[in-house]
Amino acid sequence: MARANPLWGAPRIHGELRKLGLEIAQATVSKYLVRRRTPPSQTWRTFLANHVGSLASVDFFTVPTVTFKVLFVFVVLAHARRRVVHVHVTDAPTAEWSAQQLVEAFPWDTTPRYLLRDRDAVYGAVFSLRVHSLGIREVKTAPRSPWQNPYVERLIGTLRRECLDHVVVLNATHLRRLLRDYLLYYHSARTHLSLDKDAPEPRAVERLDQGRIVETPLVGGLHHRYSRRAA
């Protein structure tokens, strides 16, 4: 009975047994009831996996400049192919500014079904109202739980480790150029484990007879793309 009805607990099973004329204590049912190893509702990881094609996430991270000025980077990530659909830089983020970035990220009919974000006060009511007006359902993570927004957190870590940690940022214009160059490499060349070692913009597998391997430097030489080119 427990195997056939995994959502039933001891009281429910005990009630059914009583209706079948089996007079045993509820404590006895509890004693022999196999405990579930997973919760009855879907886990957060399951939610992310089930809605990967219709889910996007947003987040801010900070970058200091050579003059110790702090710049804020706003990123919008589509989960399906790990594509960064929008990125922008400001020195004074507001709810109105963030809401406008969302409009620029999803023009016309490209809006996702869900938008995942944390509870940072910078978003505010204006941002939530704009999300609702676009027909997007807002999903907020629990306080101080960055693990609930893993894809965009991983993206931010990748941006730091593979680009920003290796350069000195001069100003906002310089940072925008760095991000543009890196994201060009990120989308068209960098392979991802979660995409079966393909790039967000799918790369064709080149044949051995297509020519010799050519190395193309990207992101100022920090990274390279390898391709075959006929002699």
Protein backbone atom coordinates (compact mmCIF):
# COMPACT_ATOMS: atom_id res chain seq x y z
CA MET A 1 0.00 0.00 0.00
CA ALA A 2 2.87 2.37 0.79
CA ARG A 3 4.64 1.55 -2.49
CA ALA A 4 1.48 2.12 -4.51
CA ASN A 5 0.75 5.43 -2.74
CA PRO A 6 4.06 7.19 -2.05
CA LEU A 7 2.33 10.34 -0.81
CA TRP A 8 0.50 8.51 1.97
CA GLY A 9 1.79 8.60 5.52
CA ALA A 10 1.14 6.29 8.45
CA PRO A 11 -2.19 7.88 9.50
CA ARG A 12 -3.65 7.51 6.00
CA ILE A 13 -2.51 3.91 5.62
CA HIS A 14 -3.73 3.08 9.14
CA GLY A 15 -7.16 4.45 8.23
CA GLU A 16 -7.33 2.29 5.12
CA LEU A 17 -6.29 -0.79 7.07
CA ARG A 18 -9.03 -0.14 9.62
CA LYS A 19 -11.57 0.04 6.80
CA LEU A 20 -10.32 -3.36 5.68
CA GLY A 21 -10.99 -4.83 9.13
CA LEU A 22 -7.33 -4.96 10.21
CA GLU A 23 -7.15 -3.73 13.79
CA ILE A 24 -3.52 -2.69 14.39
CA ALA A 25 -2.07 0.37 16.03
CA GLN A 26 -0.91 3.37 14.01
CA ALA A 27 2.47 3.10 15.78
CA THR A 28 2.87 -0.35 14.28
CA VAL A 29 2.19 1.02 10.81
CA SER A 30 4.80 3.73 11.39
CA LYS A 31 7.34 1.17 12.56
CA TYR A 32 7.18 -0.87 9.37
CA LEU A 33 6.56 1.95 6.92
CA VAL A 34 9.49 2.43 4.54
CA ARG A 35 10.75 6.00 4.83
CA ARG A 36 10.95 8.00 1.63
CA ARG A 37 14.41 9.14 0.67
CA THR A 38 13.09 12.00 -1.43
CA PRO A 39 10.53 14.67 -0.50
CA PRO A 40 6.99 14.32 -1.94
CA SER A 41 7.30 17.62 -3.81
CA GLN A 42 9.87 18.26 -6.50
CA THR A 43 13.26 19.51 -5.38
CA TRP A 44 14.69 22.85 -6.47
CA ARG A 45 17.12 21.03 -8.74
CA THR A 46 14.21 19.21 -10.37
CA PHE A 47 12.41 22.51 -10.95
CA LEU A 48 15.47 23.95 -12.70
CA ALA A 49 15.85 20.84 -14.84
CA ASN A 50 12.16 20.63 -15.77
CA HIS A 51 11.96 24.26 -16.88
CA VAL A 52 15.42 24.71 -18.38
CA GLY A 53 13.95 25.62 -21.77
CA SER A 54 11.71 28.38 -20.42
CA LEU A 55 13.84 29.77 -17.61
CA ALA A 56 16.17 32.77 -17.47
CA SER A 57 18.04 34.27 -14.55
CA VAL A 58 19.48 37.68 -13.71
CA ASP A 59 22.10 38.89 -11.28
CA PHE A 60 24.51 41.70 -10.48
CA PHE A 61 28.21 41.47 -9.71
CA THR A 62 30.79 44.15 -9.01
CA VAL A 63 34.10 44.96 -10.70
CA PRO A 64 36.62 47.47 -9.27
CA THR A 65 38.55 49.77 -11.60
CA VAL A 66 42.15 50.93 -11.45
CA THR A 67 40.97 54.09 -9.64
CA PHE A 68 39.05 51.96 -7.07
CA LYS A 69 35.67 52.90 -8.48
CA VAL A 70 33.13 50.10 -8.24
CA LEU A 71 31.16 49.20 -11.37
CA PHE A 72 28.06 47.01 -11.38
CA VAL A 73 27.52 44.43 -14.13
CA PHE A 74 23.99 43.21 -14.83
CA VAL A 75 23.72 39.89 -16.68
CA VAL A 76 20.73 38.02 -18.10
CA LEU A 77 21.27 34.33 -18.80
CA ALA A 78 18.96 32.01 -20.75
CA HIS A 79 19.32 28.54 -19.25
CA ALA A 80 18.53 26.44 -22.33
CA ARG A 81 21.86 26.95 -24.14
CA ARG A 82 23.62 28.95 -21.39
CA ARG A 83 23.39 32.04 -23.61
CA VAL A 84 24.04 35.48 -22.15
CA VAL A 85 21.19 37.37 -23.77
CA HIS A 86 22.10 40.73 -22.24
CA VAL A 87 24.88 42.38 -20.25
CA HIS A 88 25.35 46.01 -19.25
CA VAL A 89 27.49 48.11 -16.92
CA THR A 90 26.59 51.00 -14.62
CA ASP A 91 28.06 52.76 -11.61
CA ALA A 92 24.68 53.40 -9.96
CA PRO A 93 22.11 50.63 -10.47
CA THR A 94 18.45 51.43 -9.79
CA ALA A 95 15.19 49.51 -10.12
CA GLU A 96 14.22 51.62 -13.15
CA TRP A 97 17.56 50.96 -14.85
CA SER A 98 17.32 47.22 -14.16
CA ALA A 99 13.77 47.09 -15.51
CA GLN A 100 14.88 48.78 -18.73
CA GLN A 101 17.68 46.22 -19.16
CA LEU A 102 15.09 43.47 -18.98
CA VAL A 103 13.10 45.07 -21.80
CA GLU A 104 16.25 45.26 -23.93
CA ALA A 105 17.12 41.65 -23.14
CA PHE A 106 13.78 40.22 -24.31
CA PRO A 107 12.35 42.12 -27.28
CA TRP A 108 9.04 41.15 -28.86
CA ASP A 109 8.10 37.51 -28.26
CA THR A 110 11.39 36.21 -26.84
CA THR A 111 10.41 36.43 -23.17
CA PRO A 112 10.91 33.32 -21.01
CA ARG A 113 8.18 31.82 -18.88
CA TYR A 114 10.11 32.18 -15.62
CA LEU A 115 12.69 34.70 -14.41
CA LEU A 116 14.89 33.63 -11.51
CA ARG A 117 16.49 36.27 -9.28
CA ASP A 118 17.61 36.91 -5.72
CA ARG A 119 15.99 39.30 -3.25
CA ASP A 120 18.40 42.21 -3.70
CA ALA A 121 16.70 45.51 -2.88
CA VAL A 122 18.03 47.02 -6.11
CA TYR A 123 15.21 45.33 -8.06
CA GLY A 124 12.27 46.74 -6.14
CA ALA A 125 8.62 47.06 -7.08
CA VAL A 126 9.36 48.79 -10.38
CA PHE A 127 11.36 45.80 -11.61
CA SER A 128 8.70 43.29 -10.51
CA LEU A 129 5.98 45.32 -12.22
CA ARG A 130 7.95 45.33 -15.47
CA VAL A 131 8.48 41.56 -15.23
CA HIS A 132 4.75 41.06 -14.78
CA SER A 133 3.91 43.38 -17.68
CA LEU A 134 6.13 41.26 -19.96
CA GLY A 135 4.12 38.17 -19.06
CA ILE A 136 6.97 36.58 -17.10
CA ARG A 137 6.53 34.75 -13.81
CA GLU A 138 9.06 35.95 -11.25
CA VAL A 139 10.75 33.30 -9.09
CA LYS A 140 12.76 34.58 -6.11
CA THR A 141 15.43 32.56 -4.35
CA ALA A 142 15.53 32.23 -0.58
CA PRO A 143 17.53 34.87 1.33
CA ARG A 144 21.30 34.30 1.30
CA SER A 145 20.96 31.22 -0.93
CA PRO A 146 23.05 31.80 -4.06
CA TRP A 147 23.09 28.03 -4.69
CA GLN A 148 19.44 28.33 -5.76
CA ASN A 149 20.52 30.42 -8.76
CA PRO A 150 23.40 28.17 -9.86
CA TYR A 151 23.60 28.85 -13.60
CA VAL A 152 24.09 32.59 -13.40
CA GLU A 153 26.37 32.22 -10.36
CA ARG A 154 28.50 29.80 -12.37
CA LEU A 155 28.56 32.27 -15.27
CA ILE A 156 29.77 35.07 -13.01
CA GLY A 157 32.50 32.83 -11.63
CA THR A 158 33.55 31.91 -15.17
CA LEU A 159 33.69 35.58 -16.20
CA ARG A 160 35.98 36.31 -13.26
CA ARG A 161 38.25 33.28 -13.56
CA GLU A 162 38.66 33.32 -17.33
CA CYS A 163 38.72 37.07 -17.99
CA LEU A 164 38.36 39.74 -15.31
CA ASP A 165 40.87 38.28 -12.85
CA HIS A 166 43.59 38.64 -15.49
CA VAL A 167 43.15 42.29 -16.48
CA VAL A 168 43.07 45.71 -14.83
CA VAL A 169 39.81 47.46 -15.66
CA LEU A 170 40.29 51.13 -16.50
CA ASN A 171 36.71 52.37 -16.69
CA ALA A 172 33.17 51.42 -17.72
CA THR A 173 33.97 51.65 -21.44
CA HIS A 174 36.95 49.34 -21.03
CA LEU A 175 34.86 46.86 -19.02
CA ARG A 176 32.13 46.79 -21.67
CA ARG A 177 34.74 46.03 -24.34
CA LEU A 178 36.25 43.23 -22.26
CA LEU A 179 32.85 41.66 -21.66
CA ARG A 180 31.94 41.96 -25.34
CA ASP A 181 35.15 40.24 -26.44
CA TYR A 182 34.89 37.48 -23.85
CA LEU A 183 31.22 36.76 -24.58
CA LEU A 184 32.01 36.46 -28.27
CA TYR A 185 34.45 33.68 -27.34
CA TYR A 186 32.03 32.26 -24.73
CA HIS A 187 29.17 31.88 -27.19
CA SER A 188 30.95 30.80 -30.34
CA ALA A 189 34.00 28.82 -29.17
CA ARG A 190 33.99 27.79 -25.50
CA THR A 191 32.73 24.26 -24.89
CA HIS A 192 30.45 23.52 -21.91
CA LEU A 193 30.13 20.28 -19.98
CA SER A 194 26.40 20.88 -19.52
CA LEU A 195 25.97 21.12 -23.32
CA ASP A 196 27.73 17.82 -23.98
CA LYS A 197 30.95 19.75 -24.67
CA ASP A 198 29.37 21.98 -27.29
CA ALA A 199 29.23 25.78 -27.40
CA PRO A 200 26.06 27.85 -26.80
CA GLU A 201 26.15 28.53 -30.54
CA PRO A 202 26.60 24.94 -31.74
CA ARG A 203 29.96 24.13 -33.34
CA ALA A 204 30.15 21.56 -36.09
CA VAL A 205 32.61 18.69 -35.71
CA GLU A 206 35.28 19.24 -38.37
CA ARG A 207 36.58 16.35 -40.42
CA LEU A 208 40.24 15.38 -40.50
CA ASP A 209 40.43 16.07 -44.23
CA GLN A 210 39.33 19.69 -43.86
CA GLY A 211 42.89 20.90 -43.45
CA ARG A 212 45.46 21.66 -40.81
CA ILE A 213 44.62 22.99 -37.35
CA VAL A 214 44.79 26.77 -37.03
CA GLU A 215 44.97 28.63 -33.73
CA THR A 216 43.06 31.94 -33.49
CA PRO A 217 43.74 34.14 -30.42
CA LEU A 218 40.68 35.64 -28.72
CA VAL A 219 40.10 37.99 -25.78
CA GLY A 220 43.49 39.61 -26.23
CA GLY A 221 45.24 36.25 -26.31
CA LEU A 222 43.74 34.94 -23.05
CA HIS A 223 41.91 32.24 -25.00
CA HIS A 224 42.12 30.63 -28.43
CA ARG A 225 39.82 28.98 -30.91
CA TYR A 226 41.03 25.99 -32.87
CA SER A 227 39.68 25.14 -36.29
CA ARG A 228 40.71 23.35 -39.45
CA ARG A 229 41.61 25.35 -42.53
CA ALA A 230 42.54 24.13 -45.96
CA ALA A 231 46.06 25.00 -47.06
